[in-house]
Every structure is written in C-alpha cells, then in structure tokens.
Amino acid sequence: MFILTGICLGLGIFVALLSLAILILSRKPPLIFGKYPRKGLFYRVKFGIALLLLKRLRYRIYRRNEEVLSSPEHLAKMDRPQPLTNDPKSYDVVSFMAANAKGEKLMVTLERRRRGVLKAALYLWLPEGGLYSLPKLPDMVYFTTDDGIEDGTEFRGGGFHIYPEESMRTWRLKYDGPLRRREHEDLVSVSLDLRFTSSSAHFDYNRDLSSSLIADSIAREAWNESFYGMLKSVGHIVEKRMHYEQNGLLAGSIVLGDRYLKFNSHGFRDHSFGTERCLSSINRYVYFALFLDDGSSMVVGNLSQPSFFLSSLKVGYVCTPDGIYKPITSTNFELYSYGEKGIPPKHQNFLVNTADRSYLVQIRVEDSALRYVGGDWESKVHNQFVSCTVNGINGQGHAEYLYRHEGGRPEEVGAQDPQWYQRIKRYERSLSNMEHIDEGDFIF
C-alpha cells in the first residue's frame, strides 16, 4: 500500500513538474518593436534542446544519406530546371549575383511558376554608366504562353534563356532585349552572353546552415501548442523547400547599344524550388552578397517569418578563395537596428563570426532600385548596389531589403496581362473578399 502510494505521489510530482516546464517554455519572451523576441529566462535550456533536435534531424535526413545525396546522378537531377507540380505554390528559381573590383555589378533572377508565368529581374550597374534595368521593373511578371495552360520546362522568356551546360559546374546566362538606363526614357538594345563556372561545392541551406543559428532563433520563440504542431511536420516542410548557392566566376560579353563590354567577375548562382515559398508570410528580410578583392566572398542575411516560428533567423557563410564554405555561427546584425521603419540605411557596420574567425563588415551604398515581388506585389525589395570593406579588404556587392507591401498590384500595371491571367486574379480576389463570382471565372 505504501509502495503504491509512493508511486502515485511520484507520478503526480512528475506530471506537475512536466506541466510547469511546458508552461514556462510556452511563455512568450519580451518583444522588440512587437516583432523580434529577446532571449528569455530559459533561453539556454531551450537552445540546448533545439540544438540536440536539429542535429538528430539533420543526421536522419542528410548525414546518413550523404552517399546518395552527393552522387552525380542526384546532383544532376537537382541542378536542372525542376518540373512544376499541380500545387499552386510550386516554384523554381535561379538567380545570379556578381561584382568585380572595377565596381561593375550584375543581378539576375528568374522564377518559374505554373501556367507559364515567369517573374524576372535584371540590374546592371556600371561605375561610369549608372544603373540599367528591365523596362518592366518594378513589376516582374512575364508570360511565356498565350493561353496559360501549359507550364514552361526551361528558364526561358522575356528575352532570357538560362540553362545548365554541366550540372554543378557550368551555367549559361543569356539575355537579348531592351534595358532602361536610370533617369533616361530611351531604351538601349542589349545582348548579354555570360557563362558561370565553378569548381567549388554548393552550400545547401537545409543541410549546411549553422545549427547554432537555427537553435538561437527557435530558442527565442514561445514553445506553445502551435509550435509543437509545426515540429511534427518540419521534416515534410524541409523536403518541400530547397535552396542552395554556389560560388564561382561569371564572365562573357555584354553589348549595350554600340558599346561592347567584357564582363569578368566573382559571383554566385543560387537555385530554389519546392512549394513552400510564401512571401505573404514573411515580415522582413535583409540579405548581403559581398565579393572581395582577395577572391573570397560573404553572404549574410536575417529573415523574419513569425508564422514559421522564425522571428529572427540569421543565415550565411564565408567562402574562401579556394571554394571552402565556413558557415556563420553568429552576427550582431539585427533587423530592428537597420531600416525597421521601411527606409534601408545607406551605411551598415556589423560583426560576423565563423567557428575560426571574426569579421568586421563595413558597407556603403552606391545606388539602389525598387522592385515588387509576388503575383499581387505582396512584398517590395530595395536592391542596393554597394561597396564594402571586410577586415580591411575591399570589395563590391549587393544588398536586398524586403518589406511587406499592402498596396497590391495596380490595375494599370495588370491591364496588359493576358485575359486568362486577369480572370485568375479576379477569382483569387473574390475568394479573399468572400464575394460571389460567376462560374465562368473558375478556370482551374
């Protein structure tokens, strides 16, 4: 009898302590500007738990499958344009960022969506010529089919053709069409033919991002019922969201009207695909891509996506001149300190740490441009063209500041869209507004 009583008492105490621990962990820490959580009282405990779970998850998904994931067959399949699924959020994106010691900078991104929709941006910044960009910007929406029935199978459209010549080694970047020069109404005919080459490995954000950075972000969140529900599906979410980057050289020719430019630069190519790319759930992000005169490069970012329990996730790496990636383990770059009111700063100074070195990053903005992303302009991005100094080494690069945009895509901008796309947008808006629609507008 006494033994049974003791067991019941012990179970009662255990349940009470467990309930207390869950209650404590579920408390929301103090927020900066109502968005960014500070480190709570039990931050260290939560950090240790999160770090352990992350390492186990990564071992299960990546480390024990390393032989398959690093095979030439798998890499070739991953690196080519991806088939778009029936999921309306299915996407496939390839981007390039590059800069050289002369100050020449290039940014190109192409995003493939269902029904032949293509979202494109190109910026070319020259020290003596200023900024050249696609005439349609700040809008990015292009159409590669007349009827919106078939999906494209290539990164092609709007004058672009981007394709792999050798997986994880060589990509070709071509553009033939007009560009508009900043503060000039006339268009310049442009022919761009560049080849991206790399002998380095790639940096997979799901696999290679510092576990400490992710654990830090998770440990700042309230571990409530919604959080535990997200944990149950995190493996499924990871499988539907792929993003990797590869550093290398971007070189070739650019013809601007009657002017010939030989372009040689350090740069990187990134590739993203899946079904979990929801811009409407992102509060903010800031992203730097810096290319230094000694051949090294640095990527630093900070993402705020509270709906995914990542109110402030820091990301990035340093890539050495010989192509070795060193994941960033910490940085004092905080979103609330840089451009929180919607105006990106012209100067940024912050510290970055890897496992074996610290870096002082100093950035000066030379020019900037605005573009809107998403089918309904859910977000706006300030693209900055910058010069920098990292531990005394000069460099050039790019910065992106993304903010939420509530104004929508103006009707006058969408007036030239194909009729089938306009019907889709009317249907989507009617769903959002709980309005009655005619059956003929339902074309899915």
Protein backbone atom coordinates (compact mmCIF):
# COMPACT_ATOMS: atom_id res chain seq x y z
CA MET A 1 0.00 0.00 0.00
CA PHE A 2 2.77 2.42 0.94
CA ILE A 3 4.67 1.45 -2.24
CA LEU A 4 1.61 2.15 -4.40
CA THR A 5 1.08 5.47 -2.64
CA GLY A 6 4.71 6.40 -3.21
CA ILE A 7 4.47 5.55 -6.92
CA CYS A 8 1.31 7.62 -7.32
CA LEU A 9 2.90 10.51 -5.45
CA GLY A 10 6.00 10.32 -7.64
CA LEU A 11 3.91 10.27 -10.82
CA GLY A 12 1.92 13.21 -9.55
CA ILE A 13 5.06 15.20 -8.87
CA PHE A 14 6.48 14.28 -12.30
CA VAL A 15 3.29 15.34 -14.08
CA ALA A 16 3.19 18.59 -12.10
CA LEU A 17 6.82 19.37 -12.93
CA LEU A 18 6.28 18.48 -16.58
CA SER A 19 3.23 20.74 -16.75
CA LEU A 20 5.20 23.53 -15.09
CA ALA A 21 8.07 23.10 -17.56
CA ILE A 22 5.67 23.20 -20.53
CA LEU A 23 4.01 26.30 -19.10
CA ILE A 24 7.37 28.03 -18.62
CA LEU A 25 8.62 27.13 -22.10
CA SER A 26 5.38 28.36 -23.67
CA ARG A 27 5.71 31.85 -22.25
CA LYS A 28 6.36 34.48 -24.90
CA PRO A 29 9.63 36.38 -24.29
CA PRO A 30 9.75 40.19 -24.41
CA LEU A 31 9.47 41.53 -27.98
CA ILE A 32 11.39 44.39 -29.59
CA PHE A 33 9.02 46.56 -31.66
CA GLY A 34 6.38 43.90 -31.04
CA LYS A 35 8.10 41.55 -33.53
CA TYR A 36 11.57 40.41 -32.53
CA PRO A 37 11.92 38.23 -29.39
CA ARG A 38 14.67 38.73 -26.87
CA LYS A 39 16.37 35.87 -25.06
CA GLY A 40 14.00 34.71 -22.33
CA LEU A 41 14.81 33.43 -18.85
CA PHE A 42 15.08 29.82 -20.04
CA TYR A 43 16.83 30.61 -23.31
CA ARG A 44 19.84 28.39 -22.55
CA VAL A 45 17.67 25.36 -21.79
CA LYS A 46 15.62 25.83 -24.96
CA PHE A 47 18.78 26.45 -27.01
CA GLY A 48 20.30 23.15 -25.84
CA ILE A 49 17.12 21.20 -26.61
CA ALA A 50 16.74 22.81 -30.04
CA LEU A 51 20.39 22.17 -30.93
CA LEU A 52 20.10 18.50 -30.00
CA LEU A 53 16.91 18.02 -32.01
CA LEU A 54 18.39 19.82 -35.03
CA LYS A 55 21.48 17.64 -35.08
CA ARG A 56 19.37 14.48 -34.88
CA LEU A 57 17.05 15.70 -37.66
CA ARG A 58 19.96 16.61 -39.92
CA TYR A 59 21.62 13.27 -39.31
CA ARG A 60 18.40 11.45 -40.20
CA ILE A 61 17.77 13.45 -43.40
CA TYR A 62 21.30 14.21 -44.62
CA ARG A 63 24.29 12.65 -42.89
CA ARG A 64 23.23 9.03 -43.11
CA ASN A 65 22.20 9.58 -46.76
CA GLU A 66 25.32 11.51 -47.76
CA GLU A 67 26.47 8.96 -50.35
CA VAL A 68 23.19 9.20 -52.28
CA LEU A 69 22.81 12.97 -51.90
CA SER A 70 26.35 13.63 -53.19
CA SER A 71 26.13 11.25 -56.14
CA PRO A 72 26.47 12.75 -59.65
CA GLU A 73 23.02 11.41 -60.58
CA HIS A 74 21.30 13.15 -57.67
CA LEU A 75 23.18 16.42 -58.19
CA ALA A 76 22.34 16.45 -61.91
CA LYS A 77 18.66 15.89 -61.13
CA MET A 78 18.66 18.63 -58.50
CA ASP A 79 20.55 21.21 -60.59
CA ARG A 80 18.38 21.18 -63.70
CA PRO A 81 15.10 23.11 -64.14
CA GLN A 82 12.57 21.39 -61.91
CA PRO A 83 9.15 20.08 -63.01
CA LEU A 84 6.35 22.17 -61.54
CA THR A 85 3.72 20.20 -59.64
CA ASN A 86 -0.04 20.77 -59.51
CA ASP A 87 0.40 22.63 -56.25
CA PRO A 88 -0.48 26.31 -56.95
CA LYS A 89 2.55 27.36 -54.88
CA SER A 90 5.00 25.30 -56.93
CA TYR A 91 8.06 27.33 -57.98
CA ASP A 92 11.54 27.04 -59.47
CA VAL A 93 14.00 29.96 -59.21
CA VAL A 94 17.54 30.57 -60.45
CA SER A 95 19.48 33.74 -59.63
CA PHE A 96 22.94 35.23 -60.16
CA MET A 97 24.74 37.97 -58.25
CA ALA A 98 28.18 39.16 -59.30
CA ALA A 99 30.61 42.06 -58.87
CA ASN A 100 34.24 42.88 -59.63
CA ALA A 101 36.96 45.21 -58.38
CA LYS A 102 36.08 47.80 -61.06
CA GLY A 103 32.69 48.19 -59.38
CA GLU A 104 30.62 46.53 -62.11
CA LYS A 105 27.67 44.66 -60.65
CA LEU A 106 25.05 42.33 -62.10
CA MET A 107 21.93 40.79 -60.57
CA VAL A 108 19.57 38.46 -62.47
CA THR A 109 16.69 36.36 -61.14
CA LEU A 110 14.13 34.21 -62.98
CA GLU A 111 11.28 32.48 -61.17
CA ARG A 112 9.20 29.87 -63.00
CA ARG A 113 5.60 29.41 -61.86
CA ARG A 114 2.68 27.33 -63.10
CA ARG A 115 0.82 28.17 -66.33
CA GLY A 116 3.93 29.64 -67.95
CA VAL A 117 4.17 32.60 -65.58
CA LEU A 118 7.72 33.94 -65.26
CA LYS A 119 8.96 36.53 -62.76
CA ALA A 120 12.15 38.25 -63.87
CA ALA A 121 14.55 40.99 -62.81
CA LEU A 122 17.86 42.21 -64.22
CA TYR A 123 20.04 45.01 -62.86
CA LEU A 124 23.38 46.01 -64.38
CA TRP A 125 25.28 48.72 -62.51
CA LEU A 126 28.33 50.34 -64.11
CA PRO A 127 30.53 52.94 -62.37
CA GLU A 128 30.62 55.17 -65.46
CA GLY A 129 27.13 54.44 -66.75
CA GLY A 130 24.93 54.03 -63.70
CA LEU A 131 22.03 51.61 -63.45
CA TYR A 132 20.45 49.65 -66.31
CA SER A 133 17.35 47.54 -65.66
CA LEU A 134 14.48 45.73 -67.39
CA PRO A 135 11.93 48.24 -68.72
CA LYS A 136 9.05 46.47 -66.95
CA LEU A 137 10.53 46.85 -63.48
CA PRO A 138 9.43 47.40 -60.73
CA ASP A 139 6.89 44.79 -61.94
CA MET A 140 8.42 41.35 -62.52
CA VAL A 141 5.58 39.37 -64.12
CA TYR A 142 6.05 37.92 -67.64
CA PHE A 143 4.11 35.29 -69.58
CA THR A 144 5.61 32.53 -71.71
CA THR A 145 2.34 31.04 -73.04
CA ASP A 146 -0.66 32.66 -74.73
CA ASP A 147 -3.33 30.51 -73.12
CA GLY A 148 -1.87 29.84 -69.68
CA ILE A 149 -2.47 26.11 -69.99
CA GLU A 150 0.99 24.58 -70.23
CA ASP A 151 3.86 25.05 -67.81
CA GLY A 152 7.27 26.02 -69.15
CA THR A 153 10.09 23.50 -68.85
CA GLU A 154 13.02 25.93 -69.13
CA PHE A 155 14.24 29.19 -67.66
CA ARG A 156 13.23 30.98 -70.83
CA GLY A 157 11.07 34.01 -71.60
CA GLY A 158 11.10 37.80 -71.61
CA GLY A 159 14.32 37.75 -73.65
CA PHE A 160 16.10 35.38 -71.22
CA HIS A 161 17.47 31.91 -71.64
CA ILE A 162 19.32 30.43 -68.66
CA TYR A 163 20.37 26.80 -68.70
CA PRO A 164 22.96 24.35 -67.30
CA GLU A 165 25.73 23.21 -69.61
CA GLU A 166 27.25 20.91 -66.98
CA SER A 167 25.47 20.27 -63.70
CA MET A 168 27.08 21.95 -60.68
CA ARG A 169 29.86 23.23 -62.94
CA THR A 170 28.69 25.49 -65.78
CA TRP A 171 25.56 27.53 -66.45
CA ARG A 172 24.84 29.82 -69.39
CA LEU A 173 23.10 33.17 -68.92
CA LYS A 174 21.71 34.94 -71.99
CA TYR A 175 19.53 38.00 -72.45
CA ASP A 176 18.55 39.76 -75.68
CA GLY A 177 16.25 42.73 -75.37
CA PRO A 178 15.99 46.32 -74.15
CA LEU A 179 17.21 47.82 -70.89
CA ARG A 180 16.34 51.22 -69.49
CA ARG A 181 19.05 53.45 -68.09
CA ARG A 182 18.28 55.27 -64.87
CA GLU A 183 16.91 58.79 -65.48
CA HIS A 184 16.70 58.15 -69.25
CA GLU A 185 13.41 57.42 -71.00
CA ASP A 186 15.01 55.88 -74.07
CA LEU A 187 15.74 52.15 -74.18
CA VAL A 188 19.07 50.58 -75.05
CA SER A 189 19.25 47.36 -77.04
CA VAL A 190 21.28 44.82 -75.07
CA SER A 191 22.81 41.44 -75.83
CA LEU A 192 24.19 39.64 -72.80
CA ASP A 193 26.01 36.30 -73.07
CA LEU A 194 27.72 35.10 -69.89
CA ARG A 195 28.96 31.79 -68.58
CA PHE A 196 29.03 30.93 -64.87
CA THR A 197 31.73 28.40 -63.96
CA SER A 198 32.50 26.84 -60.60
CA SER A 199 34.78 24.15 -59.22
CA SER A 200 33.53 24.51 -55.64
CA ALA A 201 30.91 22.54 -53.78
CA HIS A 202 27.49 24.04 -53.11
CA PHE A 203 26.07 25.43 -49.85
CA ASP A 204 22.74 23.76 -49.05
CA TYR A 205 20.81 25.94 -46.60
CA ASN A 206 18.82 22.99 -45.22
CA ARG A 207 21.97 20.95 -44.63
CA ASP A 208 24.86 23.39 -44.15
CA LEU A 209 23.46 26.41 -42.31
CA SER A 210 24.89 26.62 -38.79
CA SER A 211 22.75 24.63 -36.36
CA SER A 212 23.61 27.20 -33.70
CA LEU A 213 21.97 29.99 -35.72
CA ILE A 214 18.76 28.00 -36.16
CA ALA A 215 18.72 26.90 -32.50
CA ASP A 216 19.20 30.52 -31.42
CA SER A 217 16.15 31.61 -33.41
CA ILE A 218 13.98 28.72 -32.17
CA ALA A 219 15.05 29.23 -28.53
CA ARG A 220 13.73 32.80 -28.62
CA GLU A 221 10.21 31.70 -29.59
CA ALA A 222 7.30 30.68 -27.36
CA TRP A 223 7.04 26.88 -27.39
CA ASN A 224 3.26 26.71 -27.45
CA GLU A 225 0.79 24.25 -28.96
CA SER A 226 1.20 25.70 -32.47
CA PHE A 227 4.97 25.40 -32.16
CA TYR A 228 4.78 21.69 -31.28
CA GLY A 229 2.38 21.17 -34.19
CA MET A 230 4.92 22.74 -36.55
CA LEU A 231 7.66 20.46 -35.19
CA LYS A 232 5.67 17.39 -36.17
CA SER A 233 5.66 18.49 -39.81
CA VAL A 234 9.13 20.05 -40.05
CA GLY A 235 10.55 17.07 -41.96
CA HIS A 236 7.76 17.36 -44.53
CA ILE A 237 8.31 21.13 -44.81
CA VAL A 238 12.08 20.75 -45.32
CA GLU A 239 11.50 18.28 -48.13
CA LYS A 240 9.34 20.85 -49.95
CA ARG A 241 11.77 23.75 -49.71
CA MET A 242 15.23 23.59 -51.32
CA HIS A 243 17.73 26.43 -51.61
CA TYR A 244 21.43 26.18 -52.38
CA GLU A 245 24.15 28.55 -53.55
CA GLN A 246 27.40 28.01 -55.40
CA ASN A 247 30.27 30.45 -55.73
CA GLY A 248 32.28 30.83 -58.92
CA LEU A 249 33.15 33.14 -61.81
CA LEU A 250 30.76 34.91 -64.17
CA ALA A 251 32.35 36.04 -67.43
CA GLY A 252 31.44 36.89 -71.01
CA SER A 253 30.24 39.76 -73.15
CA ILE A 254 27.64 42.50 -72.79
CA VAL A 255 26.70 44.69 -75.76
CA LEU A 256 24.95 47.93 -74.77
CA GLY A 257 23.77 49.58 -77.96
CA ASP A 258 27.00 50.14 -79.90
CA ARG A 259 29.17 49.65 -76.81
CA TYR A 260 30.96 46.34 -76.15
CA LEU A 261 31.74 45.38 -72.55
CA LYS A 262 33.86 42.43 -71.49
CA PHE A 263 32.47 41.34 -68.13
CA ASN A 264 34.59 39.32 -65.66
CA SER A 265 33.55 38.97 -62.05
CA HIS A 266 33.27 36.84 -58.95
CA GLY A 267 29.73 35.79 -58.21
CA PHE A 268 27.37 33.08 -57.17
CA ARG A 269 24.41 31.20 -58.55
CA ASP A 270 21.52 30.07 -56.41
CA HIS A 271 18.72 27.65 -57.12
CA SER A 272 15.46 27.36 -55.15
CA PHE A 273 12.48 25.12 -55.77
CA GLY A 274 9.56 23.49 -53.99
CA THR A 275 6.10 24.51 -52.79
CA GLU A 276 6.82 26.38 -49.54
CA ARG A 277 7.76 29.85 -50.81
CA CYS A 278 5.07 32.08 -49.33
CA LEU A 279 6.10 35.74 -49.47
CA SER A 280 2.91 36.86 -47.74
CA SER A 281 4.10 35.21 -44.52
CA ILE A 282 7.50 36.97 -44.45
CA ASN A 283 7.68 40.06 -42.26
CA ARG A 284 11.12 41.23 -43.42
CA TYR A 285 14.47 40.06 -44.61
CA VAL A 286 17.87 41.63 -45.27
CA TYR A 287 20.46 39.88 -47.42
CA PHE A 288 24.06 40.80 -48.32
CA ALA A 289 26.21 39.19 -51.03
CA LEU A 290 29.76 40.57 -50.91
CA PHE A 291 32.66 39.72 -53.24
CA LEU A 292 36.11 40.71 -52.00
CA ASP A 293 39.25 41.61 -53.93
CA ASP A 294 41.16 38.62 -52.49
CA GLY A 295 38.75 36.16 -54.14
CA SER A 296 36.72 35.38 -51.04
CA SER A 297 33.01 36.13 -50.64
CA MET A 298 30.47 36.50 -47.86
CA VAL A 299 26.72 36.05 -47.59
CA VAL A 300 24.90 37.42 -44.52
CA GLY A 301 21.16 37.53 -44.01
CA ASN A 302 18.43 37.88 -41.43
CA LEU A 303 14.89 36.59 -42.03
CA SER A 304 11.77 37.37 -40.03
CA GLN A 305 8.94 34.87 -40.60
CA PRO A 306 6.98 34.70 -37.32
CA SER A 307 4.30 32.38 -38.74
CA PHE A 308 7.04 29.73 -39.11
CA PHE A 309 8.41 30.48 -35.60
CA LEU A 310 11.48 32.19 -37.03
CA SER A 311 11.05 35.81 -35.98
CA SER A 312 14.75 36.50 -36.49
CA LEU A 313 16.78 33.80 -38.26
CA LYS A 314 20.34 34.73 -39.17
CA VAL A 315 21.91 32.94 -42.12
CA GLY A 316 25.06 32.95 -44.19
CA TYR A 317 28.59 31.81 -44.77
CA VAL A 318 32.07 32.91 -45.78
CA CYS A 319 33.52 31.29 -48.90
CA THR A 320 37.32 31.20 -49.08
CA PRO A 321 39.20 31.89 -52.36
CA ASP A 322 39.61 28.13 -52.85
CA GLY A 323 35.87 27.48 -52.52
CA ILE A 324 35.60 26.26 -48.91
CA TYR A 325 32.40 27.33 -47.12
CA LYS A 326 32.58 28.46 -43.49
CA PRO A 327 29.07 28.76 -42.01
CA ILE A 328 28.41 31.89 -39.97
CA THR A 329 27.91 30.99 -36.32
CA SER A 330 26.82 34.43 -35.06
CA THR A 331 26.42 38.07 -36.07
CA ASN A 332 25.24 41.23 -34.36
CA PHE A 333 23.25 42.30 -37.43
CA GLU A 334 19.72 42.76 -36.06
CA LEU A 335 16.73 43.66 -38.20
CA TYR A 336 15.39 46.14 -35.67
CA SER A 337 18.63 48.16 -35.92
CA TYR A 338 18.63 48.51 -39.70
CA GLY A 339 15.77 50.00 -41.68
CA GLU A 340 12.91 48.88 -39.43
CA LYS A 341 10.80 51.91 -40.42
CA GLY A 342 10.88 50.96 -44.10
CA ILE A 343 13.86 53.03 -45.26
CA PRO A 344 17.05 50.98 -45.79
CA PRO A 345 20.19 52.68 -44.40
CA LYS A 346 22.96 53.98 -46.65
CA HIS A 347 25.71 52.65 -44.36
CA GLN A 348 25.90 49.42 -42.37
CA ASN A 349 28.59 48.22 -39.96
CA PHE A 350 28.35 44.89 -38.15
CA LEU A 351 30.32 41.90 -36.92
CA VAL A 352 30.23 38.36 -38.29
CA ASN A 353 31.73 35.24 -36.72
CA THR A 354 32.55 31.80 -38.06
CA ALA A 355 33.94 28.92 -36.00
CA ASP A 356 37.52 30.10 -36.51
CA ARG A 357 37.42 33.84 -37.29
CA SER A 358 35.69 37.18 -36.73
CA TYR A 359 34.96 39.78 -39.42
CA LEU A 360 34.20 43.50 -39.27
CA VAL A 361 31.91 44.33 -42.20
CA GLN A 362 31.58 47.94 -43.39
CA ILE A 363 29.16 48.72 -46.23
CA ARG A 364 28.47 51.87 -48.24
CA VAL A 365 25.51 52.07 -50.65
CA GLU A 366 26.28 53.50 -54.11
CA ASP A 367 22.84 53.17 -55.70
CA SER A 368 19.51 51.40 -55.22
CA ALA A 369 16.35 50.34 -57.03
CA LEU A 370 12.89 49.13 -56.01
CA ARG A 371 11.01 46.09 -57.31
CA TYR A 372 7.84 44.29 -56.24
CA VAL A 373 7.67 40.53 -55.82
CA GLY A 374 4.70 38.18 -55.77
CA GLY A 375 1.77 37.88 -58.14
CA ASP A 376 -0.06 40.63 -56.24
CA TRP A 377 3.02 42.58 -55.14
CA GLU A 378 2.89 41.04 -51.66
CA SER A 379 6.36 42.38 -50.89
CA LYS A 380 8.74 45.06 -52.07
CA VAL A 381 12.51 44.72 -52.32
CA HIS A 382 15.05 47.52 -52.22
CA ASN A 383 18.03 46.29 -54.24
CA GLN A 384 21.19 48.10 -53.17
CA PHE A 385 24.49 48.17 -55.08
CA VAL A 386 27.27 48.53 -52.55
CA SER A 387 30.99 48.77 -51.94
CA CYS A 388 32.41 47.22 -48.80
CA THR A 389 35.42 46.59 -46.61
CA VAL A 390 35.77 43.34 -44.64
CA ASN A 391 38.70 43.20 -42.20
CA GLY A 392 40.45 45.83 -44.31
CA ILE A 393 39.90 44.02 -47.64
CA ASN A 394 37.91 45.97 -50.23
CA GLY A 395 35.03 44.51 -52.15
CA GLN A 396 31.80 45.08 -54.05
CA GLY A 397 28.38 43.54 -53.82
CA HIS A 398 24.64 43.62 -53.39
CA ALA A 399 22.12 44.05 -50.59
CA GLU A 400 18.40 43.35 -50.51
CA TYR A 401 15.89 44.78 -48.03
CA LEU A 402 12.46 43.15 -48.24
CA TYR A 403 9.35 44.64 -46.62
CA ARG A 404 5.66 43.76 -46.66
CA HIS A 405 3.62 45.66 -49.25
CA GLU A 406 -0.11 46.11 -48.70
CA GLY A 407 -0.99 48.18 -51.78
CA GLY A 408 -1.42 45.29 -54.21
CA ARG A 409 -0.51 45.22 -57.89
CA PRO A 410 -2.05 48.31 -59.55
CA GLU A 411 -4.79 47.72 -62.11
CA GLU A 412 -2.97 49.81 -64.71
CA VAL A 413 0.06 47.51 -64.38
CA GLY A 414 -2.07 44.39 -64.88
CA ALA A 415 -4.06 45.87 -67.75
CA GLN A 416 -1.65 44.34 -70.28
CA ASP A 417 -1.80 40.87 -68.72
CA PRO A 418 -3.42 38.08 -70.78
CA GLN A 419 -7.15 37.69 -70.19
CA TRP A 420 -6.75 34.25 -68.64
CA TYR A 421 -4.39 35.69 -66.00
CA GLN A 422 -6.72 38.60 -65.26
CA ARG A 423 -9.56 36.11 -64.70
CA ILE A 424 -7.42 34.14 -62.27
CA LYS A 425 -6.61 37.28 -60.32
CA ARG A 426 -10.26 38.31 -60.17
CA TYR A 427 -11.15 34.87 -58.88
CA GLU A 428 -8.42 34.93 -56.22
CA ARG A 429 -9.51 38.39 -55.06
CA SER A 430 -13.12 37.26 -54.85
CA LEU A 431 -12.08 34.40 -52.59
CA SER A 432 -10.16 36.80 -50.37
CA ASN A 433 -13.11 39.21 -50.21
CA MET A 434 -15.78 36.46 -49.82
CA GLU A 435 -17.54 37.76 -52.94
CA HIS A 436 -19.90 35.90 -55.30
CA ILE A 437 -18.35 35.03 -58.66
CA ASP A 438 -19.68 33.72 -61.96
CA GLU A 439 -18.98 30.07 -62.64
CA GLY A 440 -17.21 31.04 -65.85
CA ASP A 441 -14.43 32.72 -63.89
CA PHE A 442 -13.47 29.43 -62.25
CA ILE A 443 -10.87 28.14 -64.69
CA PHE A 444 -8.75 25.80 -62.50
